[in-house]
Amino acid sequence: MIAEVVADVLLGLGVAVIAASSLGMALLDDPLHRLHLVTPAAVLGVPLVCAAVVVRDGLDASGLAALAVAVLAVVTSPLLAQALARSIEVRRQAEGPR
C-alpha cells in the first residue's frame, strides 16, 4: 500500500517535471534557451519515473531496466547537451551576423 503511494508520487513528480520542461521548450524560440530545459527533464524527470518503476516492481527485470535507463539518461544528458550547444554555436558563426 505505501509502496504504491510512493510510486504514484514519484511518477507524478517525474511527469510534472517532464511536462513543464516540454511546455517551456514549446514557448521558447532560441535553441540554446530550449536546450536549458532539456536538463531538468533528463536529469530529474526520467530518474523519478524510473524510480517509480523500481518502487512498484522491485529489482526484477523491469526494475533493473529502469535503473539502466535512469543512469544512461543522467550520464549522457550533459554530454549530448554540450555537443548540441557547440553545433548550434558553430552554425551561428557560419551564418554570420544577423
N, C-alpha and C. Protein backbone atom coordinates (compact mmCIF):
# COMPACT_ATOMS: atom_id res chain seq x y z
N MET A 1 0.82 -1.19 0.00
CA MET A 1 0.00 0.00 0.00
C MET A 1 0.87 1.26 0.00
N ILE A 2 1.82 1.33 0.92
CA ILE A 2 2.71 2.51 0.99
C ILE A 2 3.56 2.60 -0.27
N ALA A 3 4.02 1.45 -0.75
CA ALA A 3 4.87 1.45 -1.95
C ALA A 3 4.10 1.99 -3.16
N GLU A 4 2.84 1.67 -3.26
CA GLU A 4 2.04 2.17 -4.38
C GLU A 4 1.87 3.69 -4.31
N VAL A 5 1.67 4.20 -3.11
CA VAL A 5 1.54 5.65 -2.94
C VAL A 5 2.85 6.35 -3.28
N VAL A 6 3.95 5.81 -2.80
CA VAL A 6 5.27 6.39 -3.09
C VAL A 6 5.54 6.34 -4.60
N ALA A 7 5.21 5.21 -5.23
CA ALA A 7 5.42 5.09 -6.68
C ALA A 7 4.56 6.10 -7.43
N ASP A 8 3.32 6.28 -6.99
CA ASP A 8 2.44 7.25 -7.65
C ASP A 8 2.96 8.68 -7.49
N VAL A 9 3.48 9.00 -6.31
CA VAL A 9 4.02 10.35 -6.08
C VAL A 9 5.27 10.56 -6.95
N LEU A 10 6.16 9.57 -7.00
CA LEU A 10 7.36 9.69 -7.84
C LEU A 10 6.98 9.83 -9.31
N LEU A 11 6.03 9.04 -9.74
CA LEU A 11 5.59 9.12 -11.13
C LEU A 11 4.96 10.48 -11.43
N GLY A 12 4.14 10.97 -10.53
CA GLY A 12 3.52 12.28 -10.73
C GLY A 12 4.55 13.39 -10.80
N LEU A 13 5.53 13.35 -9.90
CA LEU A 13 6.59 14.37 -9.92
C LEU A 13 7.40 14.29 -11.21
N GLY A 14 7.75 13.08 -11.62
CA GLY A 14 8.53 12.92 -12.85
C GLY A 14 7.79 13.42 -14.07
N VAL A 15 6.52 13.07 -14.17
CA VAL A 15 5.71 13.52 -15.31
C VAL A 15 5.53 15.04 -15.27
N ALA A 16 5.37 15.60 -14.07
CA ALA A 16 5.22 17.06 -13.96
C ALA A 16 6.48 17.79 -14.43
N VAL A 17 7.64 17.28 -14.05
CA VAL A 17 8.91 17.89 -14.47
C VAL A 17 9.05 17.81 -15.99
N ILE A 18 8.76 16.65 -16.54
CA ILE A 18 8.89 16.46 -17.99
C ILE A 18 7.88 17.34 -18.73
N ALA A 19 6.65 17.41 -18.23
CA ALA A 19 5.62 18.24 -18.87
C ALA A 19 5.98 19.73 -18.80
N ALA A 20 6.49 20.18 -17.65
CA ALA A 20 6.88 21.59 -17.52
C ALA A 20 8.03 21.92 -18.46
N SER A 21 9.00 21.03 -18.56
CA SER A 21 10.12 21.25 -19.47
C SER A 21 9.65 21.28 -20.92
N SER A 22 8.74 20.39 -21.26
CA SER A 22 8.21 20.35 -22.63
C SER A 22 7.44 21.62 -22.96
N LEU A 23 6.64 22.08 -22.02
CA LEU A 23 5.89 23.32 -22.24
C LEU A 23 6.83 24.50 -22.42
N GLY A 24 7.87 24.57 -21.59
CA GLY A 24 8.86 25.63 -21.73
C GLY A 24 9.56 25.59 -23.07
N MET A 25 9.90 24.37 -23.53
CA MET A 25 10.55 24.25 -24.83
C MET A 25 9.63 24.70 -25.96
N ALA A 26 8.34 24.47 -25.80
CA ALA A 26 7.39 24.89 -26.83
C ALA A 26 7.23 26.41 -26.87
N LEU A 27 7.43 27.06 -25.73
CA LEU A 27 7.23 28.51 -25.66
C LEU A 27 8.46 29.32 -26.04
N LEU A 28 9.64 28.75 -25.90
CA LEU A 28 10.87 29.50 -26.19
C LEU A 28 11.25 29.39 -27.66
N ASP A 29 11.90 30.44 -28.17
CA ASP A 29 12.29 30.47 -29.57
C ASP A 29 13.74 30.08 -29.81
N ASP A 30 14.63 30.50 -28.94
CA ASP A 30 16.06 30.29 -29.14
C ASP A 30 16.44 28.84 -28.82
N PRO A 31 17.17 28.18 -29.71
CA PRO A 31 17.57 26.79 -29.46
C PRO A 31 18.42 26.61 -28.19
N LEU A 32 19.27 27.58 -27.89
CA LEU A 32 20.08 27.45 -26.68
C LEU A 32 19.23 27.58 -25.42
N HIS A 33 18.20 28.42 -25.47
CA HIS A 33 17.30 28.52 -24.33
C HIS A 33 16.50 27.24 -24.16
N ARG A 34 16.08 26.66 -25.27
CA ARG A 34 15.37 25.37 -25.22
C ARG A 34 16.25 24.28 -24.65
N LEU A 35 17.52 24.33 -25.00
CA LEU A 35 18.46 23.32 -24.53
C LEU A 35 18.56 23.30 -23.02
N HIS A 36 18.43 24.46 -22.39
CA HIS A 36 18.48 24.52 -20.93
C HIS A 36 17.33 23.74 -20.30
N LEU A 37 16.22 23.66 -20.98
CA LEU A 37 15.06 22.98 -20.43
C LEU A 37 15.09 21.47 -20.63
N VAL A 38 16.03 20.98 -21.41
CA VAL A 38 16.18 19.54 -21.56
C VAL A 38 16.77 18.94 -20.29
N THR A 39 17.61 19.69 -19.61
CA THR A 39 18.32 19.18 -18.43
C THR A 39 17.39 18.72 -17.32
N PRO A 40 16.42 19.51 -16.88
CA PRO A 40 15.55 19.01 -15.80
C PRO A 40 14.79 17.75 -16.20
N ALA A 41 14.35 17.69 -17.45
CA ALA A 41 13.60 16.51 -17.89
C ALA A 41 14.48 15.27 -17.88
N ALA A 42 15.73 15.41 -18.34
CA ALA A 42 16.61 14.25 -18.44
C ALA A 42 17.25 13.88 -17.11
N VAL A 43 17.60 14.87 -16.31
CA VAL A 43 18.34 14.59 -15.08
C VAL A 43 17.42 14.40 -13.88
N LEU A 44 16.22 14.94 -13.93
CA LEU A 44 15.31 14.81 -12.80
C LEU A 44 14.05 14.03 -13.17
N GLY A 45 13.44 14.34 -14.29
CA GLY A 45 12.18 13.71 -14.67
C GLY A 45 12.31 12.22 -14.96
N VAL A 46 13.25 11.87 -15.81
CA VAL A 46 13.44 10.46 -16.17
C VAL A 46 13.80 9.60 -14.95
N PRO A 47 14.76 10.01 -14.11
CA PRO A 47 15.05 9.19 -12.93
C PRO A 47 13.86 9.07 -11.96
N LEU A 48 13.03 10.09 -11.85
CA LEU A 48 11.85 9.98 -11.00
C LEU A 48 10.87 8.94 -11.54
N VAL A 49 10.64 8.95 -12.84
CA VAL A 49 9.76 7.96 -13.44
C VAL A 49 10.35 6.55 -13.28
N CYS A 50 11.66 6.43 -13.49
CA CYS A 50 12.32 5.13 -13.33
C CYS A 50 12.29 4.67 -11.88
N ALA A 51 12.43 5.60 -10.94
CA ALA A 51 12.34 5.24 -9.52
C ALA A 51 10.94 4.73 -9.19
N ALA A 52 9.93 5.31 -9.80
CA ALA A 52 8.56 4.82 -9.59
C ALA A 52 8.41 3.38 -10.06
N VAL A 53 9.04 3.05 -11.18
CA VAL A 53 9.00 1.67 -11.68
C VAL A 53 9.70 0.74 -10.70
N VAL A 54 10.85 1.16 -10.18
CA VAL A 54 11.59 0.32 -9.24
C VAL A 54 10.80 0.13 -7.94
N VAL A 55 10.19 1.19 -7.44
CA VAL A 55 9.41 1.08 -6.21
C VAL A 55 8.21 0.15 -6.42
N ARG A 56 7.56 0.27 -7.56
CA ARG A 56 6.37 -0.54 -7.82
C ARG A 56 6.72 -1.99 -8.13
N ASP A 57 7.75 -2.24 -8.96
CA ASP A 57 8.04 -3.59 -9.43
C ASP A 57 9.20 -4.26 -8.70
N GLY A 58 10.01 -3.49 -7.97
CA GLY A 58 11.18 -4.07 -7.32
C GLY A 58 12.33 -4.21 -8.29
N LEU A 59 13.32 -4.95 -7.89
CA LEU A 59 14.51 -5.11 -8.73
C LEU A 59 14.43 -6.37 -9.58
N ASP A 60 13.32 -6.55 -10.27
CA ASP A 60 13.22 -7.62 -11.24
C ASP A 60 13.73 -7.09 -12.58
N ALA A 61 13.37 -7.74 -13.66
CA ALA A 61 13.88 -7.33 -14.98
C ALA A 61 13.47 -5.90 -15.33
N SER A 62 12.21 -5.55 -15.08
CA SER A 62 11.77 -4.20 -15.43
C SER A 62 12.39 -3.15 -14.52
N GLY A 63 12.61 -3.47 -13.26
CA GLY A 63 13.25 -2.54 -12.34
C GLY A 63 14.70 -2.29 -12.70
N LEU A 64 15.41 -3.35 -13.07
CA LEU A 64 16.80 -3.19 -13.48
C LEU A 64 16.91 -2.42 -14.80
N ALA A 65 15.97 -2.67 -15.70
CA ALA A 65 15.95 -1.92 -16.96
C ALA A 65 15.69 -0.44 -16.69
N ALA A 66 14.79 -0.15 -15.75
CA ALA A 66 14.50 1.24 -15.40
C ALA A 66 15.73 1.91 -14.79
N LEU A 67 16.45 1.18 -13.94
CA LEU A 67 17.70 1.73 -13.39
C LEU A 67 18.71 2.02 -14.49
N ALA A 68 18.82 1.12 -15.45
CA ALA A 68 19.76 1.32 -16.55
C ALA A 68 19.38 2.56 -17.37
N VAL A 69 18.09 2.74 -17.62
CA VAL A 69 17.62 3.91 -18.37
C VAL A 69 17.92 5.19 -17.60
N ALA A 70 17.68 5.18 -16.29
CA ALA A 70 17.94 6.37 -15.47
C ALA A 70 19.42 6.73 -15.48
N VAL A 71 20.27 5.74 -15.30
CA VAL A 71 21.72 6.00 -15.29
C VAL A 71 22.16 6.51 -16.66
N LEU A 72 21.67 5.89 -17.71
CA LEU A 72 22.04 6.31 -19.05
C LEU A 72 21.60 7.75 -19.33
N ALA A 73 20.40 8.10 -18.91
CA ALA A 73 19.91 9.47 -19.13
C ALA A 73 20.73 10.49 -18.36
N VAL A 74 21.05 10.18 -17.11
CA VAL A 74 21.80 11.14 -16.28
C VAL A 74 23.23 11.29 -16.76
N VAL A 75 23.83 10.20 -17.22
CA VAL A 75 25.23 10.25 -17.66
C VAL A 75 25.37 10.90 -19.03
N THR A 76 24.49 10.58 -19.95
CA THR A 76 24.66 11.07 -21.33
C THR A 76 24.06 12.45 -21.58
N SER A 77 23.12 12.89 -20.76
CA SER A 77 22.46 14.17 -20.99
C SER A 77 23.43 15.35 -21.04
N PRO A 78 24.36 15.49 -20.09
CA PRO A 78 25.29 16.63 -20.19
C PRO A 78 26.19 16.55 -21.42
N LEU A 79 26.58 15.36 -21.81
CA LEU A 79 27.43 15.21 -23.00
C LEU A 79 26.68 15.59 -24.26
N LEU A 80 25.44 15.13 -24.36
CA LEU A 80 24.64 15.48 -25.53
C LEU A 80 24.32 16.97 -25.58
N ALA A 81 24.05 17.56 -24.43
CA ALA A 81 23.76 18.99 -24.38
C ALA A 81 24.97 19.81 -24.82
N GLN A 82 26.15 19.40 -24.38
CA GLN A 82 27.37 20.11 -24.76
C GLN A 82 27.60 20.00 -26.27
N ALA A 83 27.44 18.81 -26.83
CA ALA A 83 27.64 18.62 -28.26
C ALA A 83 26.62 19.42 -29.07
N LEU A 84 25.38 19.43 -28.62
CA LEU A 84 24.34 20.17 -29.33
C LEU A 84 24.57 21.67 -29.24
N ALA A 85 24.94 22.17 -28.08
CA ALA A 85 25.22 23.60 -27.93
C ALA A 85 26.39 24.02 -28.81
N ARG A 86 27.39 23.18 -28.87
CA ARG A 86 28.54 23.50 -29.73
C ARG A 86 28.12 23.54 -31.20
N SER A 87 27.31 22.60 -31.62
CA SER A 87 26.89 22.60 -33.03
C SER A 87 26.01 23.80 -33.35
N ILE A 88 25.19 24.22 -32.40
CA ILE A 88 24.37 25.43 -32.62
C ILE A 88 25.27 26.64 -32.77
N GLU A 89 26.26 26.75 -31.91
CA GLU A 89 27.16 27.91 -31.97
C GLU A 89 28.00 27.91 -33.25
N VAL A 90 28.48 26.76 -33.68
CA VAL A 90 29.25 26.67 -34.93
C VAL A 90 28.38 27.08 -36.11
N ARG A 91 27.13 26.64 -36.11
CA ARG A 91 26.23 27.03 -37.19
C ARG A 91 25.95 28.52 -37.20
N ARG A 92 25.77 29.09 -36.02
CA ARG A 92 25.53 30.54 -35.94
C ARG A 92 26.73 31.33 -36.44
N GLN A 93 27.92 30.87 -36.12
CA GLN A 93 29.11 31.57 -36.59
C GLN A 93 29.27 31.43 -38.10
N ALA A 94 28.89 30.28 -38.65
CA ALA A 94 29.00 30.09 -40.09
C ALA A 94 28.00 30.95 -40.85
N GLU A 95 26.83 31.19 -40.25
CA GLU A 95 25.83 32.02 -40.91
C GLU A 95 26.18 33.50 -40.89
N GLY A 96 27.04 33.88 -39.99
CA GLY A 96 27.46 35.28 -39.92
C GLY A 96 26.53 36.12 -39.07
N PRO A 97 26.82 37.42 -38.98
CA PRO A 97 25.99 38.30 -38.14
C PRO A 97 24.59 38.45 -38.72
N ARG A 98 23.65 38.68 -37.82
CA ARG A 98 22.25 38.84 -38.24
C ARG A 98 21.90 40.28 -38.42
